[in-house]
Amino acid sequence: MYHASKHAVTVLTEGLRRELVQLGSKIKVTSVSPGVVVTEFLNLYGEERKNRLYAENPTLQSKDIADAVVYTLGTPPHVQIHEIIIKPVGEKF
């Protein structure tokens, strides 16, 4: 279900971007799709499952995502970053 939901958010983001362009807006919209990030989110799955996932898979840190967002925000007004897909090297998903 997660993958379908994430794709839906990406499609909605693209639709919003296109609507803003049609309105002549200069607002920029970027979809950020990170891989596995070490956060509190996986606490929902329990300590054992969370630790196993982190041990078996390469991960990103929240700073990695923040750096990508800061880069996007720092682009000149004429540059539009549509989508950022950021994953750790070797991610299996």
N, C-alpha and C. Protein backbone atom coordinates (compact mmCIF):
# COMPACT_ATOMS: atom_id res chain seq x y z
N MET A 1 0.82 -1.19 0.00
CA MET A 1 0.00 0.00 0.00
C MET A 1 0.87 1.27 0.00
N TYR A 2 2.04 1.19 0.66
CA TYR A 2 2.91 2.36 0.73
C TYR A 2 3.30 2.84 -0.66
N HIS A 3 3.69 1.92 -1.53
CA HIS A 3 4.16 2.31 -2.86
C HIS A 3 3.05 2.97 -3.68
N ALA A 4 1.84 2.45 -3.58
CA ALA A 4 0.72 3.05 -4.30
C ALA A 4 0.43 4.45 -3.76
N SER A 5 0.49 4.61 -2.46
CA SER A 5 0.25 5.92 -1.84
C SER A 5 1.33 6.91 -2.25
N LYS A 6 2.58 6.47 -2.25
CA LYS A 6 3.68 7.36 -2.63
C LYS A 6 3.54 7.79 -4.09
N HIS A 7 3.15 6.87 -4.96
CA HIS A 7 2.95 7.22 -6.36
C HIS A 7 1.81 8.23 -6.50
N ALA A 8 0.76 8.04 -5.72
CA ALA A 8 -0.37 8.97 -5.76
C ALA A 8 0.08 10.38 -5.37
N VAL A 9 0.91 10.48 -4.35
CA VAL A 9 1.41 11.79 -3.92
C VAL A 9 2.26 12.41 -5.04
N THR A 10 3.07 11.61 -5.71
CA THR A 10 3.89 12.11 -6.81
C THR A 10 3.01 12.62 -7.95
N VAL A 11 1.96 11.90 -8.28
CA VAL A 11 1.04 12.32 -9.34
C VAL A 11 0.32 13.61 -8.95
N LEU A 12 -0.13 13.69 -7.70
CA LEU A 12 -0.79 14.92 -7.22
C LEU A 12 0.16 16.11 -7.28
N THR A 13 1.41 15.89 -6.92
CA THR A 13 2.41 16.95 -6.96
C THR A 13 2.61 17.45 -8.39
N GLU A 14 2.70 16.53 -9.33
CA GLU A 14 2.86 16.93 -10.73
C GLU A 14 1.63 17.69 -11.22
N GLY A 15 0.45 17.25 -10.82
CA GLY A 15 -0.78 17.97 -11.20
C GLY A 15 -0.80 19.38 -10.65
N LEU A 16 -0.38 19.54 -9.40
CA LEU A 16 -0.31 20.87 -8.78
C LEU A 16 0.67 21.75 -9.54
N ARG A 17 1.83 21.21 -9.86
CA ARG A 17 2.84 21.98 -10.59
C ARG A 17 2.27 22.47 -11.93
N ARG A 18 1.59 21.59 -12.64
CA ARG A 18 1.03 21.97 -13.95
C ARG A 18 -0.06 23.03 -13.81
N GLU A 19 -0.89 22.91 -12.78
CA GLU A 19 -1.93 23.93 -12.56
C GLU A 19 -1.30 25.29 -12.27
N LEU A 20 -0.24 25.30 -11.46
CA LEU A 20 0.43 26.56 -11.15
C LEU A 20 1.05 27.18 -12.40
N VAL A 21 1.61 26.36 -13.27
CA VAL A 21 2.18 26.87 -14.53
C VAL A 21 1.08 27.50 -15.38
N GLN A 22 -0.06 26.83 -15.48
CA GLN A 22 -1.17 27.36 -16.28
C GLN A 22 -1.68 28.69 -15.74
N LEU A 23 -1.56 28.88 -14.43
CA LEU A 23 -1.99 30.14 -13.81
C LEU A 23 -0.93 31.23 -13.93
N GLY A 24 0.23 30.87 -14.48
CA GLY A 24 1.31 31.84 -14.62
C GLY A 24 2.08 32.07 -13.33
N SER A 25 1.92 31.18 -12.38
CA SER A 25 2.59 31.31 -11.09
C SER A 25 4.08 30.99 -11.21
N LYS A 26 4.87 31.62 -10.39
CA LYS A 26 6.30 31.34 -10.32
C LYS A 26 6.63 30.41 -9.15
N ILE A 27 5.59 29.87 -8.51
CA ILE A 27 5.79 28.94 -7.40
C ILE A 27 6.38 27.64 -7.95
N LYS A 28 7.43 27.16 -7.31
CA LYS A 28 8.08 25.92 -7.72
C LYS A 28 7.64 24.79 -6.78
N VAL A 29 7.41 23.62 -7.34
CA VAL A 29 6.97 22.46 -6.57
C VAL A 29 7.92 21.31 -6.85
N THR A 30 8.41 20.68 -5.78
CA THR A 30 9.33 19.55 -5.92
C THR A 30 8.82 18.37 -5.11
N SER A 31 8.83 17.20 -5.71
CA SER A 31 8.49 15.96 -5.01
C SER A 31 9.78 15.32 -4.54
N VAL A 32 9.85 14.99 -3.25
CA VAL A 32 11.04 14.36 -2.69
C VAL A 32 10.67 12.92 -2.32
N SER A 33 11.38 11.97 -2.91
CA SER A 33 11.12 10.55 -2.66
C SER A 33 12.39 9.91 -2.09
N PRO A 34 12.47 9.81 -0.77
CA PRO A 34 13.67 9.22 -0.17
C PRO A 34 13.56 7.71 -0.05
N GLY A 35 14.72 7.07 0.01
CA GLY A 35 14.78 5.65 0.33
C GLY A 35 14.63 5.48 1.83
N VAL A 36 15.23 4.44 2.37
CA VAL A 36 15.14 4.17 3.81
C VAL A 36 15.97 5.20 4.56
N VAL A 37 15.31 5.92 5.46
CA VAL A 37 15.95 6.96 6.26
C VAL A 37 15.84 6.57 7.73
N VAL A 38 16.92 6.72 8.47
CA VAL A 38 16.89 6.44 9.90
C VAL A 38 16.08 7.55 10.58
N THR A 39 14.87 7.21 10.99
CA THR A 39 13.98 8.14 11.69
C THR A 39 13.16 7.36 12.71
N GLU A 40 12.31 8.06 13.42
CA GLU A 40 11.43 7.42 14.40
C GLU A 40 10.28 6.68 13.71
N PHE A 41 10.09 6.89 12.42
CA PHE A 41 8.97 6.28 11.69
C PHE A 41 8.91 4.77 11.88
N LEU A 42 10.06 4.11 11.81
CA LEU A 42 10.08 2.65 11.90
C LEU A 42 9.83 2.14 13.31
N ASN A 43 9.75 3.02 14.30
CA ASN A 43 9.40 2.60 15.65
C ASN A 43 8.02 1.94 15.66
N LEU A 44 7.19 2.27 14.69
CA LEU A 44 5.85 1.69 14.59
C LEU A 44 5.90 0.18 14.40
N TYR A 45 7.00 -0.33 13.85
CA TYR A 45 7.13 -1.75 13.57
C TYR A 45 7.72 -2.55 14.72
N GLY A 46 8.09 -1.89 15.78
CA GLY A 46 8.70 -2.57 16.91
C GLY A 46 10.21 -2.54 16.81
N GLU A 47 10.84 -2.62 17.96
CA GLU A 47 12.30 -2.49 18.06
C GLU A 47 13.04 -3.57 17.27
N GLU A 48 12.61 -4.82 17.40
CA GLU A 48 13.31 -5.92 16.75
C GLU A 48 13.26 -5.80 15.22
N ARG A 49 12.09 -5.55 14.69
CA ARG A 49 11.94 -5.44 13.23
C ARG A 49 12.69 -4.21 12.70
N LYS A 50 12.60 -3.11 13.44
CA LYS A 50 13.30 -1.89 13.04
C LYS A 50 14.81 -2.14 12.99
N ASN A 51 15.36 -2.73 14.04
CA ASN A 51 16.80 -2.98 14.09
C ASN A 51 17.25 -3.93 12.98
N ARG A 52 16.42 -4.93 12.67
CA ARG A 52 16.74 -5.87 11.60
C ARG A 52 16.77 -5.16 10.25
N LEU A 53 15.77 -4.30 10.01
CA LEU A 53 15.72 -3.55 8.75
C LEU A 53 16.96 -2.68 8.59
N TYR A 54 17.33 -1.97 9.65
CA TYR A 54 18.51 -1.11 9.57
C TYR A 54 19.79 -1.93 9.40
N ALA A 55 19.85 -3.11 10.02
CA ALA A 55 21.06 -3.94 9.93
C ALA A 55 21.21 -4.57 8.54
N GLU A 56 20.09 -4.88 7.89
CA GLU A 56 20.12 -5.59 6.61
C GLU A 56 20.13 -4.68 5.39
N ASN A 57 19.94 -3.39 5.61
CA ASN A 57 19.81 -2.46 4.48
C ASN A 57 20.63 -1.20 4.71
N PRO A 58 21.23 -0.68 3.63
CA PRO A 58 21.88 0.63 3.76
C PRO A 58 20.82 1.70 4.00
N THR A 59 21.17 2.73 4.72
CA THR A 59 20.20 3.77 5.08
C THR A 59 20.75 5.16 4.81
N LEU A 60 19.84 6.09 4.77
CA LEU A 60 20.17 7.51 4.70
C LEU A 60 19.94 8.12 6.08
N GLN A 61 20.56 9.26 6.31
CA GLN A 61 20.30 10.04 7.51
C GLN A 61 19.38 11.19 7.13
N SER A 62 18.66 11.73 8.09
CA SER A 62 17.75 12.83 7.80
C SER A 62 18.50 14.02 7.20
N LYS A 63 19.76 14.20 7.57
CA LYS A 63 20.56 15.30 7.02
C LYS A 63 20.76 15.13 5.51
N ASP A 64 20.84 13.89 5.04
CA ASP A 64 20.97 13.65 3.60
C ASP A 64 19.77 14.22 2.85
N ILE A 65 18.59 14.03 3.40
CA ILE A 65 17.37 14.54 2.77
C ILE A 65 17.32 16.06 2.90
N ALA A 66 17.67 16.55 4.08
CA ALA A 66 17.68 18.00 4.30
C ALA A 66 18.64 18.69 3.32
N ASP A 67 19.80 18.10 3.09
CA ASP A 67 20.76 18.69 2.15
C ASP A 67 20.18 18.76 0.73
N ALA A 68 19.45 17.73 0.33
CA ALA A 68 18.83 17.74 -1.00
C ALA A 68 17.76 18.83 -1.10
N VAL A 69 17.00 19.00 -0.04
CA VAL A 69 15.96 20.05 -0.02
C VAL A 69 16.60 21.43 -0.06
N VAL A 70 17.66 21.63 0.73
CA VAL A 70 18.36 22.92 0.73
C VAL A 70 18.92 23.21 -0.66
N TYR A 71 19.47 22.20 -1.32
CA TYR A 71 19.96 22.38 -2.69
C TYR A 71 18.83 22.86 -3.59
N THR A 72 17.69 22.20 -3.51
CA THR A 72 16.54 22.55 -4.34
C THR A 72 16.10 23.99 -4.09
N LEU A 73 16.02 24.36 -2.82
CA LEU A 73 15.60 25.72 -2.47
C LEU A 73 16.61 26.77 -2.93
N GLY A 74 17.86 26.37 -3.09
CA GLY A 74 18.90 27.31 -3.49
C GLY A 74 19.05 27.50 -4.99
N THR A 75 18.23 26.83 -5.77
CA THR A 75 18.34 26.98 -7.22
C THR A 75 17.82 28.34 -7.67
N PRO A 76 18.34 28.84 -8.78
CA PRO A 76 17.88 30.14 -9.30
C PRO A 76 16.39 30.09 -9.66
N PRO A 77 15.76 31.26 -9.74
CA PRO A 77 14.32 31.32 -10.04
C PRO A 77 13.91 30.63 -11.34
N HIS A 78 14.80 30.54 -12.30
CA HIS A 78 14.44 29.92 -13.59
C HIS A 78 14.63 28.40 -13.60
N VAL A 79 15.09 27.83 -12.49
CA VAL A 79 15.34 26.39 -12.42
C VAL A 79 14.25 25.71 -11.61
N GLN A 80 13.66 24.66 -12.19
CA GLN A 80 12.61 23.87 -11.52
C GLN A 80 13.11 22.45 -11.34
N ILE A 81 13.25 22.01 -10.11
CA ILE A 81 13.58 20.61 -9.81
C ILE A 81 12.24 19.90 -9.63
N HIS A 82 11.85 19.07 -10.58
CA HIS A 82 10.55 18.40 -10.50
C HIS A 82 10.52 17.34 -9.41
N GLU A 83 11.54 16.52 -9.38
CA GLU A 83 11.51 15.38 -8.47
C GLU A 83 12.92 15.03 -8.04
N ILE A 84 13.05 14.67 -6.77
CA ILE A 84 14.31 14.16 -6.25
C ILE A 84 14.03 12.75 -5.73
N ILE A 85 14.73 11.78 -6.27
CA ILE A 85 14.68 10.41 -5.75
C ILE A 85 16.06 10.17 -5.16
N ILE A 86 16.11 10.02 -3.84
CA ILE A 86 17.40 9.89 -3.17
C ILE A 86 17.40 8.60 -2.35
N LYS A 87 18.34 7.73 -2.67
CA LYS A 87 18.42 6.44 -2.00
C LYS A 87 19.87 6.16 -1.62
N PRO A 88 20.07 5.36 -0.58
CA PRO A 88 21.44 4.97 -0.25
C PRO A 88 21.96 3.98 -1.28
N VAL A 89 23.25 4.02 -1.53
CA VAL A 89 23.88 3.08 -2.46
C VAL A 89 23.61 1.66 -1.96
N GLY A 90 23.13 0.82 -2.85
CA GLY A 90 22.89 -0.58 -2.50
C GLY A 90 21.51 -0.87 -1.95
N GLU A 91 20.62 0.13 -1.90
CA GLU A 91 19.27 -0.14 -1.37
C GLU A 91 18.57 -1.16 -2.25
N LYS A 92 17.89 -2.11 -1.62
CA LYS A 92 17.25 -3.22 -2.34
C LYS A 92 15.83 -2.90 -2.79
N PHE A 93 15.23 -1.87 -2.26
CA PHE A 93 13.81 -1.59 -2.54
C PHE A 93 13.63 -0.84 -3.83
